[in-house]
Amino acid sequence: MDYELAKKLKDAGYKFPANDGCANCWGDLGQGCSEECGKEHCPTLSELIEACGDGFGKLEKHRPNIGWGAYADNGIDEFGLTPEEAVARLWLALNKK
């Protein structure tokens, strides 16, 4: 998952684990973590699906080079190049304020 998508998750209230990076990870520059603080933890596919809750419908691989689709039971669908990206985008759509 790239920095921009991880930052959108964080800004939208996704609950990252306790080791969610340092000021460099989430600062405006998006420089990433230094060796001293460790690597930021991007959620796994399982964590993202669980975070979507009971509304998560399915995850589907599309034709090669097109990516993945994540679908909610309420008709919301989102897409990404990886399954993690698609489900992260679905979480964002399900948690719009």
N, C-alpha and C. Protein backbone atom coordinates (compact mmCIF):
# COMPACT_ATOMS: atom_id res chain seq x y z
N MET A 1 0.85 -1.16 0.00
CA MET A 1 0.00 0.00 0.00
C MET A 1 0.90 1.24 0.00
N ASP A 2 0.56 2.21 -0.82
CA ASP A 2 1.40 3.39 -0.87
C ASP A 2 1.07 4.37 0.26
N TYR A 3 1.96 5.32 0.44
CA TYR A 3 1.83 6.30 1.53
C TYR A 3 0.51 7.05 1.45
N GLU A 4 0.14 7.50 0.27
CA GLU A 4 -1.07 8.32 0.12
C GLU A 4 -2.32 7.58 0.62
N LEU A 5 -2.46 6.31 0.25
CA LEU A 5 -3.63 5.54 0.67
C LEU A 5 -3.57 5.27 2.17
N ALA A 6 -2.40 4.93 2.70
CA ALA A 6 -2.27 4.72 4.15
C ALA A 6 -2.61 5.99 4.91
N LYS A 7 -2.19 7.14 4.40
CA LYS A 7 -2.49 8.42 5.05
C LYS A 7 -3.99 8.71 5.02
N LYS A 8 -4.64 8.38 3.90
CA LYS A 8 -6.10 8.57 3.81
C LYS A 8 -6.81 7.71 4.85
N LEU A 9 -6.36 6.47 5.02
CA LEU A 9 -6.94 5.60 6.03
C LEU A 9 -6.77 6.21 7.42
N LYS A 10 -5.57 6.64 7.73
CA LYS A 10 -5.29 7.22 9.04
C LYS A 10 -6.15 8.46 9.26
N ASP A 11 -6.21 9.35 8.27
CA ASP A 11 -6.98 10.59 8.39
C ASP A 11 -8.48 10.32 8.54
N ALA A 12 -8.95 9.21 7.98
CA ALA A 12 -10.37 8.86 8.06
C ALA A 12 -10.73 8.11 9.34
N GLY A 13 -9.71 7.83 10.17
CA GLY A 13 -9.99 7.19 11.45
C GLY A 13 -9.71 5.71 11.53
N TYR A 14 -9.08 5.14 10.50
CA TYR A 14 -8.72 3.72 10.59
C TYR A 14 -7.80 3.53 11.78
N LYS A 15 -8.08 2.53 12.59
CA LYS A 15 -7.30 2.27 13.80
C LYS A 15 -6.10 1.40 13.48
N PHE A 16 -4.95 2.05 13.28
CA PHE A 16 -3.71 1.32 13.05
C PHE A 16 -3.24 0.74 14.37
N PRO A 17 -2.43 -0.34 14.34
CA PRO A 17 -1.87 -0.90 15.57
C PRO A 17 -1.01 0.13 16.29
N ALA A 18 -0.62 -0.18 17.50
CA ALA A 18 0.15 0.75 18.33
C ALA A 18 1.40 1.25 17.63
N ASN A 19 2.09 0.40 16.90
CA ASN A 19 3.30 0.83 16.18
C ASN A 19 2.89 1.37 14.82
N ASP A 20 2.29 2.57 14.83
CA ASP A 20 1.79 3.12 13.57
C ASP A 20 2.73 4.14 12.96
N GLY A 21 4.00 4.04 13.29
CA GLY A 21 4.99 4.89 12.64
C GLY A 21 5.32 6.12 13.45
N CYS A 22 6.17 6.92 12.89
CA CYS A 22 6.67 8.11 13.58
C CYS A 22 6.22 9.35 12.82
N ALA A 23 6.74 10.49 13.24
CA ALA A 23 6.38 11.76 12.60
C ALA A 23 6.76 11.75 11.12
N ASN A 24 7.86 11.09 10.78
CA ASN A 24 8.25 11.03 9.36
C ASN A 24 7.23 10.28 8.52
N CYS A 25 6.65 9.21 9.09
CA CYS A 25 5.69 8.41 8.33
C CYS A 25 4.47 9.22 7.93
N TRP A 26 3.96 9.98 8.89
CA TRP A 26 2.68 10.66 8.67
C TRP A 26 2.81 12.15 8.48
N GLY A 27 4.05 12.66 8.46
CA GLY A 27 4.24 14.09 8.23
C GLY A 27 3.84 14.47 6.82
N ASP A 28 3.75 15.74 6.57
CA ASP A 28 3.34 16.22 5.25
C ASP A 28 4.28 15.78 4.13
N LEU A 29 5.52 15.50 4.48
CA LEU A 29 6.49 15.13 3.45
C LEU A 29 6.36 13.67 3.04
N GLY A 30 5.77 12.82 3.88
CA GLY A 30 5.61 11.41 3.55
C GLY A 30 6.94 10.73 3.27
N GLN A 31 7.93 10.99 4.10
CA GLN A 31 9.26 10.46 3.86
C GLN A 31 9.41 8.99 4.24
N GLY A 32 8.52 8.46 5.02
CA GLY A 32 8.67 7.10 5.49
C GLY A 32 9.48 7.04 6.76
N CYS A 33 9.47 5.90 7.39
CA CYS A 33 10.15 5.74 8.68
C CYS A 33 11.65 5.63 8.50
N SER A 34 12.35 6.05 9.54
CA SER A 34 13.80 5.87 9.58
C SER A 34 14.09 4.52 10.23
N GLU A 35 15.31 4.07 10.14
CA GLU A 35 15.70 2.81 10.77
C GLU A 35 15.48 2.85 12.28
N GLU A 36 15.63 4.04 12.88
CA GLU A 36 15.52 4.17 14.33
C GLU A 36 14.10 3.87 14.84
N CYS A 37 13.10 4.22 14.09
CA CYS A 37 11.74 4.06 14.61
C CYS A 37 11.06 2.80 14.10
N GLY A 38 11.61 2.14 13.13
CA GLY A 38 10.98 0.94 12.60
C GLY A 38 10.10 1.28 11.42
N LYS A 39 9.49 0.30 10.85
CA LYS A 39 8.65 0.50 9.68
C LYS A 39 7.20 0.70 10.09
N GLU A 40 6.50 1.53 9.35
CA GLU A 40 5.08 1.70 9.63
C GLU A 40 4.36 0.38 9.32
N HIS A 41 3.30 0.15 10.02
CA HIS A 41 2.54 -1.09 9.82
C HIS A 41 1.36 -0.79 8.91
N CYS A 42 1.41 -1.31 7.72
CA CYS A 42 0.23 -1.21 6.86
C CYS A 42 -0.65 -2.41 7.16
N PRO A 43 -1.94 -2.20 7.18
CA PRO A 43 -2.84 -3.31 7.52
C PRO A 43 -2.76 -4.44 6.50
N THR A 44 -2.94 -5.65 6.99
CA THR A 44 -2.99 -6.81 6.11
C THR A 44 -4.35 -6.88 5.45
N LEU A 45 -4.47 -7.72 4.46
CA LEU A 45 -5.75 -7.92 3.79
C LEU A 45 -6.81 -8.39 4.79
N SER A 46 -6.44 -9.32 5.65
CA SER A 46 -7.38 -9.83 6.66
C SER A 46 -7.85 -8.73 7.59
N GLU A 47 -6.92 -7.87 8.03
CA GLU A 47 -7.29 -6.76 8.92
C GLU A 47 -8.23 -5.79 8.24
N LEU A 48 -7.98 -5.50 6.97
CA LEU A 48 -8.84 -4.58 6.23
C LEU A 48 -10.25 -5.15 6.05
N ILE A 49 -10.32 -6.43 5.70
CA ILE A 49 -11.63 -7.07 5.51
C ILE A 49 -12.40 -7.06 6.83
N GLU A 50 -11.73 -7.41 7.91
CA GLU A 50 -12.39 -7.40 9.22
C GLU A 50 -12.86 -6.00 9.59
N ALA A 51 -12.07 -4.99 9.27
CA ALA A 51 -12.44 -3.61 9.60
C ALA A 51 -13.67 -3.16 8.82
N CYS A 52 -13.91 -3.73 7.65
CA CYS A 52 -15.10 -3.38 6.86
C CYS A 52 -16.38 -3.87 7.53
N GLY A 53 -16.25 -4.85 8.40
CA GLY A 53 -17.40 -5.33 9.16
C GLY A 53 -18.31 -6.24 8.36
N ASP A 54 -19.52 -6.38 8.87
CA ASP A 54 -20.50 -7.29 8.27
C ASP A 54 -20.94 -6.86 6.87
N GLY A 55 -20.69 -5.61 6.51
CA GLY A 55 -21.10 -5.13 5.20
C GLY A 55 -20.21 -5.59 4.06
N PHE A 56 -19.04 -6.17 4.40
CA PHE A 56 -18.14 -6.64 3.34
C PHE A 56 -18.81 -7.76 2.58
N GLY A 57 -18.82 -7.65 1.25
CA GLY A 57 -19.46 -8.66 0.43
C GLY A 57 -18.49 -9.66 -0.16
N LYS A 58 -17.60 -9.15 -1.04
CA LYS A 58 -16.66 -10.07 -1.69
C LYS A 58 -15.49 -9.30 -2.26
N LEU A 59 -14.46 -10.06 -2.60
CA LEU A 59 -13.26 -9.55 -3.25
C LEU A 59 -13.09 -10.38 -4.51
N GLU A 60 -12.84 -9.71 -5.61
CA GLU A 60 -12.80 -10.42 -6.89
C GLU A 60 -11.62 -9.94 -7.73
N LYS A 61 -10.88 -10.89 -8.29
CA LYS A 61 -9.78 -10.54 -9.20
C LYS A 61 -10.36 -10.38 -10.60
N HIS A 62 -9.98 -9.28 -11.22
CA HIS A 62 -10.45 -9.03 -12.58
C HIS A 62 -9.38 -9.50 -13.57
N ARG A 63 -9.66 -9.36 -14.81
CA ARG A 63 -8.71 -9.81 -15.83
C ARG A 63 -7.30 -9.32 -15.53
N PRO A 64 -6.28 -10.01 -16.03
CA PRO A 64 -4.90 -9.59 -15.77
C PRO A 64 -4.68 -8.11 -16.08
N ASN A 65 -3.88 -7.49 -15.24
CA ASN A 65 -3.50 -6.08 -15.39
C ASN A 65 -4.63 -5.09 -15.16
N ILE A 66 -5.78 -5.56 -14.70
CA ILE A 66 -6.88 -4.64 -14.40
C ILE A 66 -7.01 -4.44 -12.91
N GLY A 67 -6.70 -5.45 -12.13
CA GLY A 67 -6.71 -5.30 -10.68
C GLY A 67 -7.82 -6.07 -10.00
N TRP A 68 -8.25 -5.52 -8.87
CA TRP A 68 -9.17 -6.20 -7.97
C TRP A 68 -10.38 -5.31 -7.69
N GLY A 69 -11.50 -5.95 -7.42
CA GLY A 69 -12.70 -5.24 -7.00
C GLY A 69 -13.11 -5.73 -5.62
N ALA A 70 -13.46 -4.78 -4.75
CA ALA A 70 -13.98 -5.10 -3.42
C ALA A 70 -15.41 -4.59 -3.37
N TYR A 71 -16.32 -5.42 -2.92
CA TYR A 71 -17.74 -5.12 -2.99
C TYR A 71 -18.39 -5.23 -1.62
N ALA A 72 -19.24 -4.26 -1.30
CA ALA A 72 -20.00 -4.27 -0.06
C ALA A 72 -21.41 -4.76 -0.36
N ASP A 73 -22.08 -5.25 0.66
CA ASP A 73 -23.44 -5.75 0.50
C ASP A 73 -24.43 -4.64 0.14
N ASN A 74 -24.09 -3.38 0.43
CA ASN A 74 -25.01 -2.27 0.16
C ASN A 74 -24.83 -1.68 -1.24
N GLY A 75 -24.04 -2.33 -2.09
CA GLY A 75 -23.88 -1.88 -3.46
C GLY A 75 -22.66 -1.00 -3.71
N ILE A 76 -21.91 -0.66 -2.67
CA ILE A 76 -20.69 0.13 -2.86
C ILE A 76 -19.61 -0.80 -3.40
N ASP A 77 -18.88 -0.33 -4.40
CA ASP A 77 -17.76 -1.11 -4.91
C ASP A 77 -16.57 -0.18 -5.15
N GLU A 78 -15.39 -0.72 -4.91
CA GLU A 78 -14.14 0.02 -5.08
C GLU A 78 -13.12 -0.90 -5.74
N PHE A 79 -12.13 -0.29 -6.37
CA PHE A 79 -11.15 -1.06 -7.13
C PHE A 79 -9.73 -0.63 -6.81
N GLY A 80 -8.77 -1.53 -7.02
CA GLY A 80 -7.37 -1.24 -6.80
C GLY A 80 -6.50 -2.23 -7.56
N LEU A 81 -5.23 -1.90 -7.66
CA LEU A 81 -4.30 -2.78 -8.34
C LEU A 81 -3.96 -4.01 -7.52
N THR A 82 -4.11 -3.92 -6.19
CA THR A 82 -3.88 -5.06 -5.30
C THR A 82 -5.16 -5.29 -4.50
N PRO A 83 -5.31 -6.48 -3.92
CA PRO A 83 -6.49 -6.71 -3.09
C PRO A 83 -6.52 -5.78 -1.88
N GLU A 84 -5.35 -5.50 -1.29
CA GLU A 84 -5.29 -4.60 -0.14
C GLU A 84 -5.76 -3.20 -0.51
N GLU A 85 -5.35 -2.73 -1.66
CA GLU A 85 -5.75 -1.39 -2.11
C GLU A 85 -7.26 -1.32 -2.35
N ALA A 86 -7.81 -2.34 -2.97
CA ALA A 86 -9.25 -2.34 -3.24
C ALA A 86 -10.05 -2.34 -1.94
N VAL A 87 -9.65 -3.17 -0.97
CA VAL A 87 -10.39 -3.26 0.29
C VAL A 87 -10.17 -1.99 1.13
N ALA A 88 -8.97 -1.41 1.08
CA ALA A 88 -8.73 -0.15 1.78
C ALA A 88 -9.65 0.94 1.23
N ARG A 89 -9.78 1.00 -0.07
CA ARG A 89 -10.68 1.98 -0.69
C ARG A 89 -12.14 1.70 -0.32
N LEU A 90 -12.49 0.42 -0.21
CA LEU A 90 -13.84 0.08 0.22
C LEU A 90 -14.08 0.54 1.65
N TRP A 91 -13.11 0.31 2.53
CA TRP A 91 -13.23 0.78 3.92
C TRP A 91 -13.46 2.29 3.94
N LEU A 92 -12.68 3.02 3.15
CA LEU A 92 -12.84 4.47 3.09
C LEU A 92 -14.25 4.85 2.64
N ALA A 93 -14.76 4.18 1.62
CA ALA A 93 -16.11 4.47 1.12
C ALA A 93 -17.17 4.13 2.18
N LEU A 94 -16.98 3.05 2.90
CA LEU A 94 -17.95 2.66 3.92
C LEU A 94 -17.90 3.57 5.15
N ASN A 95 -16.80 4.27 5.33
CA ASN A 95 -16.61 5.09 6.52
C ASN A 95 -16.56 6.59 6.22
N LYS A 96 -17.15 6.98 5.10
CA LYS A 96 -17.23 8.42 4.79
C LYS A 96 -18.08 9.10 5.83
N LYS A 97 -17.65 10.28 6.21
CA LYS A 97 -18.40 11.04 7.22
C LYS A 97 -19.20 12.12 6.59
